[in-house]
């Protein structure tokens, strides 16, 4: 099975560790765990959890909306900062989630950083042509149907 990259660039991402992690699992293309019916993923970042939930609940409209942000005019420094300001001021959850994906793919090194006032403050990344990860988004949306996403730091 071909490895599927994550749709987000993320400092500390585990994509490069997949082969090492696989070495601890039994051989084969399928891992069957008969007692697992669902997955729980928790994170303290509400923007990340919101993005995951939109991909789970409304993948068609979310992916279409996010795709509109990946165009040449939005890959300019001034436009990036304008959309970053729009993200920080937005109270529309779906638009904010789409902007979060845009900022992740256009911002510097896939960083996710907020200032003390809670504003996203990652600088522009200066990429020639940021990749819109459509197939990765659809792959995640399909897998997300069996997942619960929770905005918290610890699950008990």
C-alpha atoms as a PDB file:
ATOM      1  CA  UNK A   1       0.000   0.000   0.000  1.00  0.00           C
ATOM      2  CA  UNK A   2       1.329   3.430  -0.990  1.00  0.00           C
ATOM      3  CA  UNK A   3       2.011   5.822   1.886  1.00  0.00           C
ATOM      4  CA  UNK A   4      -0.394   8.752   1.946  1.00  0.00           C
ATOM      5  CA  UNK A   5       1.007  12.087   3.026  1.00  0.00           C
ATOM      6  CA  UNK A   6      -0.872  14.154   5.554  1.00  0.00           C
ATOM      7  CA  UNK A   7      -2.811  17.078   4.066  1.00  0.00           C
ATOM      8  CA  UNK A   8      -1.268  19.504   6.578  1.00  0.00           C
ATOM      9  CA  UNK A   9       2.366  20.509   6.782  1.00  0.00           C
ATOM     10  CA  UNK A  10       3.176  20.260  10.457  1.00  0.00           C
ATOM     11  CA  UNK A  11       6.312  20.883  12.470  1.00  0.00           C
ATOM     12  CA  UNK A  12       6.945  17.571  14.222  1.00  0.00           C
ATOM     13  CA  UNK A  13       4.902  15.574  11.690  1.00  0.00           C
ATOM     14  CA  UNK A  14       5.521  11.832  11.690  1.00  0.00           C
ATOM     15  CA  UNK A  15       5.522  11.118   7.923  1.00  0.00           C
ATOM     16  CA  UNK A  16       9.280  10.519   7.873  1.00  0.00           C
ATOM     17  CA  UNK A  17       8.919   8.022  10.746  1.00  0.00           C
ATOM     18  CA  UNK A  18       6.360   5.762   9.069  1.00  0.00           C
ATOM     19  CA  UNK A  19       8.896   3.098   8.087  1.00  0.00           C
ATOM     20  CA  UNK A  20      10.411   3.067  11.564  1.00  0.00           C
ATOM     21  CA  UNK A  21       6.987   2.803  13.222  1.00  0.00           C
ATOM     22  CA  UNK A  22       5.985   0.015  10.820  1.00  0.00           C
ATOM     23  CA  UNK A  23       8.993  -2.002  12.002  1.00  0.00           C
ATOM     24  CA  UNK A  24       7.232  -2.432  15.363  1.00  0.00           C
ATOM     25  CA  UNK A  25       4.049  -3.783  13.767  1.00  0.00           C
ATOM     26  CA  UNK A  26       3.485  -7.327  12.502  1.00  0.00           C
ATOM     27  CA  UNK A  27       4.167  -7.976   8.799  1.00  0.00           C
ATOM     28  CA  UNK A  28       1.342  -7.555   6.341  1.00  0.00           C
ATOM     29  CA  UNK A  29      -0.702  -4.934   4.553  1.00  0.00           C
ATOM     30  CA  UNK A  30      -3.602  -5.030   6.993  1.00  0.00           C
ATOM     31  CA  UNK A  31      -3.594  -4.684  10.758  1.00  0.00           C
ATOM     32  CA  UNK A  32      -6.756  -6.148  12.228  1.00  0.00           C
ATOM     33  CA  UNK A  33      -7.694  -5.052  15.710  1.00  0.00           C
ATOM     34  CA  UNK A  34     -11.005  -6.762  16.433  1.00  0.00           C
ATOM     35  CA  UNK A  35     -11.816  -4.649  19.471  1.00  0.00           C
ATOM     36  CA  UNK A  36     -11.452  -1.225  17.829  1.00  0.00           C
ATOM     37  CA  UNK A  37     -14.570   0.215  16.212  1.00  0.00           C
ATOM     38  CA  UNK A  38     -13.636   3.866  16.296  1.00  0.00           C
ATOM     39  CA  UNK A  39     -10.753   6.250  16.870  1.00  0.00           C
ATOM     40  CA  UNK A  40     -10.448   9.258  19.149  1.00  0.00           C
ATOM     41  CA  UNK A  41      -8.110  12.078  18.276  1.00  0.00           C
ATOM     42  CA  UNK A  42      -7.659  14.925  20.729  1.00  0.00           C
ATOM     43  CA  UNK A  43      -5.704  18.149  20.387  1.00  0.00           C
ATOM     44  CA  UNK A  44      -5.743  21.452  22.251  1.00  0.00           C
ATOM     45  CA  UNK A  45      -5.907  23.484  19.025  1.00  0.00           C
ATOM     46  CA  UNK A  46      -9.581  24.290  18.289  1.00  0.00           C
ATOM     47  CA  UNK A  47      -8.757  25.352  14.705  1.00  0.00           C
ATOM     48  CA  UNK A  48      -7.236  21.960  13.962  1.00  0.00           C
ATOM     49  CA  UNK A  49     -10.174  20.061  15.488  1.00  0.00           C
ATOM     50  CA  UNK A  50     -12.662  22.259  13.614  1.00  0.00           C
ATOM     51  CA  UNK A  51     -10.869  21.541  10.327  1.00  0.00           C
ATOM     52  CA  UNK A  52     -10.988  17.792  11.030  1.00  0.00           C
ATOM     53  CA  UNK A  53     -14.697  17.963  11.855  1.00  0.00           C
ATOM     54  CA  UNK A  54     -15.565  19.854   8.664  1.00  0.00           C
ATOM     55  CA  UNK A  55     -13.701  17.249   6.643  1.00  0.00           C
ATOM     56  CA  UNK A  56     -15.669  14.551   8.435  1.00  0.00           C
ATOM     57  CA  UNK A  57     -19.102  16.171   8.282  1.00  0.00           C
ATOM     58  CA  UNK A  58     -19.078  18.311   5.116  1.00  0.00           C
ATOM     59  CA  UNK A  59     -16.200  17.173   2.898  1.00  0.00           C
ATOM     60  CA  UNK A  60     -17.805  18.241  -0.406  1.00  0.00           C
ATOM     61  CA  UNK A  61     -18.459  21.857   0.519  1.00  0.00           C
ATOM     62  CA  UNK A  62     -15.353  22.205   2.666  1.00  0.00           C
ATOM     63  CA  UNK A  63     -12.930  20.955  -0.002  1.00  0.00           C
ATOM     64  CA  UNK A  64     -14.608  23.113  -2.665  1.00  0.00           C
ATOM     65  CA  UNK A  65     -14.369  26.193  -0.426  1.00  0.00           C
ATOM     66  CA  UNK A  66     -10.748  25.541   0.534  1.00  0.00           C
ATOM     67  CA  UNK A  67      -9.793  24.971  -3.103  1.00  0.00           C
ATOM     68  CA  UNK A  68     -10.849  28.528  -3.996  1.00  0.00           C
ATOM     69  CA  UNK A  69      -8.073  29.861  -1.760  1.00  0.00           C
ATOM     70  CA  UNK A  70      -5.324  28.076  -3.683  1.00  0.00           C
ATOM     71  CA  UNK A  71      -4.824  30.417  -6.613  1.00  0.00           C
ATOM     72  CA  UNK A  72      -1.992  32.592  -7.868  1.00  0.00           C
ATOM     73  CA  UNK A  73      -3.413  35.857  -6.507  1.00  0.00           C
ATOM     74  CA  UNK A  74      -3.486  34.375  -2.967  1.00  0.00           C
ATOM     75  CA  UNK A  75       0.152  33.319  -3.155  1.00  0.00           C
ATOM     76  CA  UNK A  76       1.470  36.823  -2.571  1.00  0.00           C
ATOM     77  CA  UNK A  77       2.827  38.248   0.653  1.00  0.00           C
ATOM     78  CA  UNK A  78       0.293  41.078   1.006  1.00  0.00           C
ATOM     79  CA  UNK A  79      -2.646  38.794   0.213  1.00  0.00           C
ATOM     80  CA  UNK A  80      -1.384  36.190   2.704  1.00  0.00           C
ATOM     81  CA  UNK A  81      -1.325  38.801   5.483  1.00  0.00           C
ATOM     82  CA  UNK A  82      -4.779  40.031   4.486  1.00  0.00           C
ATOM     83  CA  UNK A  83      -6.197  36.486   4.644  1.00  0.00           C
ATOM     84  CA  UNK A  84      -4.358  35.890   7.926  1.00  0.00           C
ATOM     85  CA  UNK A  85      -6.059  38.991   9.373  1.00  0.00           C
ATOM     86  CA  UNK A  86      -9.384  37.724   8.006  1.00  0.00           C
ATOM     87  CA  UNK A  87      -8.774  34.350   9.705  1.00  0.00           C
ATOM     88  CA  UNK A  88      -8.017  36.028  13.021  1.00  0.00           C
ATOM     89  CA  UNK A  89     -11.222  38.099  12.826  1.00  0.00           C
ATOM     90  CA  UNK A  90     -13.482  35.369  11.441  1.00  0.00           C
ATOM     91  CA  UNK A  91     -16.413  33.971  13.384  1.00  0.00           C
ATOM     92  CA  UNK A  92     -17.602  31.747  10.498  1.00  0.00           C
ATOM     93  CA  UNK A  93     -16.401  28.234  11.481  1.00  0.00           C
ATOM     94  CA  UNK A  94     -16.234  26.733   7.971  1.00  0.00           C
ATOM     95  CA  UNK A  95     -14.506  29.745   6.420  1.00  0.00           C
ATOM     96  CA  UNK A  96     -12.078  29.870   9.344  1.00  0.00           C
ATOM     97  CA  UNK A  97     -11.280  26.153   8.861  1.00  0.00           C
ATOM     98  CA  UNK A  98     -10.645  26.714   5.126  1.00  0.00           C
ATOM     99  CA  UNK A  99      -8.406  29.672   5.944  1.00  0.00           C
ATOM    100  CA  UNK A 100      -6.556  27.536   8.502  1.00  0.00           C
ATOM    101  CA  UNK A 101      -5.703  25.054   5.734  1.00  0.00           C
ATOM    102  CA  UNK A 102      -4.673  27.925   3.446  1.00  0.00           C
ATOM    103  CA  UNK A 103      -2.435  29.435   6.143  1.00  0.00           C
ATOM    104  CA  UNK A 104      -0.880  26.055   6.850  1.00  0.00           C
ATOM    105  CA  UNK A 105       0.048  25.469   3.205  1.00  0.00           C
ATOM    106  CA  UNK A 106       1.145  29.065   2.476  1.00  0.00           C
ATOM    107  CA  UNK A 107       2.763  29.970   5.801  1.00  0.00           C
ATOM    108  CA  UNK A 108       6.383  29.486   6.737  1.00  0.00           C
ATOM    109  CA  UNK A 109       7.384  25.806   7.125  1.00  0.00           C
ATOM    110  CA  UNK A 110       3.899  24.622   8.069  1.00  0.00           C
ATOM    111  CA  UNK A 111       4.204  26.281  11.455  1.00  0.00           C
ATOM    112  CA  UNK A 112       1.173  26.838  13.630  1.00  0.00           C
ATOM    113  CA  UNK A 113       1.726  29.656  16.085  1.00  0.00           C
ATOM    114  CA  UNK A 114      -0.517  32.101  17.905  1.00  0.00           C
ATOM    115  CA  UNK A 115       0.376  35.293  19.757  1.00  0.00           C
ATOM    116  CA  UNK A 116      -0.664  36.070  23.343  1.00  0.00           C
ATOM    117  CA  UNK A 117      -3.944  37.564  22.134  1.00  0.00           C
ATOM    118  CA  UNK A 118      -4.753  34.328  20.285  1.00  0.00           C
ATOM    119  CA  UNK A 119      -3.968  35.642  16.800  1.00  0.00           C
ATOM    120  CA  UNK A 120      -2.349  33.331  14.259  1.00  0.00           C
ATOM    121  CA  UNK A 121       0.999  34.955  13.495  1.00  0.00           C
ATOM    122  CA  UNK A 122       3.054  32.712  11.205  1.00  0.00           C
ATOM    123  CA  UNK A 123       4.895  34.682   8.480  1.00  0.00           C
ATOM    124  CA  UNK A 124       4.412  34.151   4.737  1.00  0.00           C
ATOM    125  CA  UNK A 125       6.209  31.079   3.409  1.00  0.00           C
ATOM    126  CA  UNK A 126       7.230  32.270  -0.085  1.00  0.00           C
ATOM    127  CA  UNK A 127       6.450  29.033  -1.937  1.00  0.00           C
ATOM    128  CA  UNK A 128       6.409  29.091  -5.742  1.00  0.00           C
ATOM    129  CA  UNK A 129       3.152  27.165  -6.011  1.00  0.00           C
ATOM    130  CA  UNK A 130       1.595  25.835  -2.797  1.00  0.00           C
ATOM    131  CA  UNK A 131       0.069  22.411  -3.276  1.00  0.00           C
ATOM    132  CA  UNK A 132      -3.662  21.940  -2.743  1.00  0.00           C
ATOM    133  CA  UNK A 133      -3.836  18.470  -1.131  1.00  0.00           C
ATOM    134  CA  UNK A 134      -7.216  17.439  -2.593  1.00  0.00           C
ATOM    135  CA  UNK A 135      -6.636  13.674  -2.735  1.00  0.00           C
ATOM    136  CA  UNK A 136      -5.190  13.727   0.789  1.00  0.00           C
ATOM    137  CA  UNK A 137      -8.230  15.660   2.054  1.00  0.00           C
ATOM    138  CA  UNK A 138     -10.615  13.102   0.532  1.00  0.00           C
ATOM    139  CA  UNK A 139      -8.568  10.233   1.982  1.00  0.00           C
ATOM    140  CA  UNK A 140      -8.713  11.829   5.432  1.00  0.00           C
ATOM    141  CA  UNK A 141     -12.450  12.570   5.099  1.00  0.00           C
ATOM    142  CA  UNK A 142     -13.117   8.900   4.424  1.00  0.00           C
ATOM    143  CA  UNK A 143     -11.040   7.713   7.384  1.00  0.00           C
ATOM    144  CA  UNK A 144     -12.560  10.398   9.625  1.00  0.00           C
ATOM    145  CA  UNK A 145     -15.981   8.754   9.438  1.00  0.00           C
ATOM    146  CA  UNK A 146     -14.836   6.315  12.135  1.00  0.00           C
ATOM    147  CA  UNK A 147     -13.185   8.971  14.282  1.00  0.00           C
ATOM    148  CA  UNK A 148     -14.186  11.326  17.036  1.00  0.00           C
ATOM    149  CA  UNK A 149     -12.287  14.602  17.251  1.00  0.00           C
ATOM    150  CA  UNK A 150     -12.060  16.330  20.590  1.00  0.00           C
ATOM    151  CA  UNK A 151     -10.561  19.673  21.548  1.00  0.00           C
ATOM    152  CA  UNK A 152      -8.814  18.870  24.798  1.00  0.00           C
ATOM    153  CA  UNK A 153      -5.341  18.065  26.019  1.00  0.00           C
ATOM    154  CA  UNK A 154      -6.000  14.795  27.834  1.00  0.00           C
ATOM    155  CA  UNK A 155      -8.541  12.006  27.340  1.00  0.00           C
ATOM    156  CA  UNK A 156      -9.557   9.960  30.353  1.00  0.00           C
END
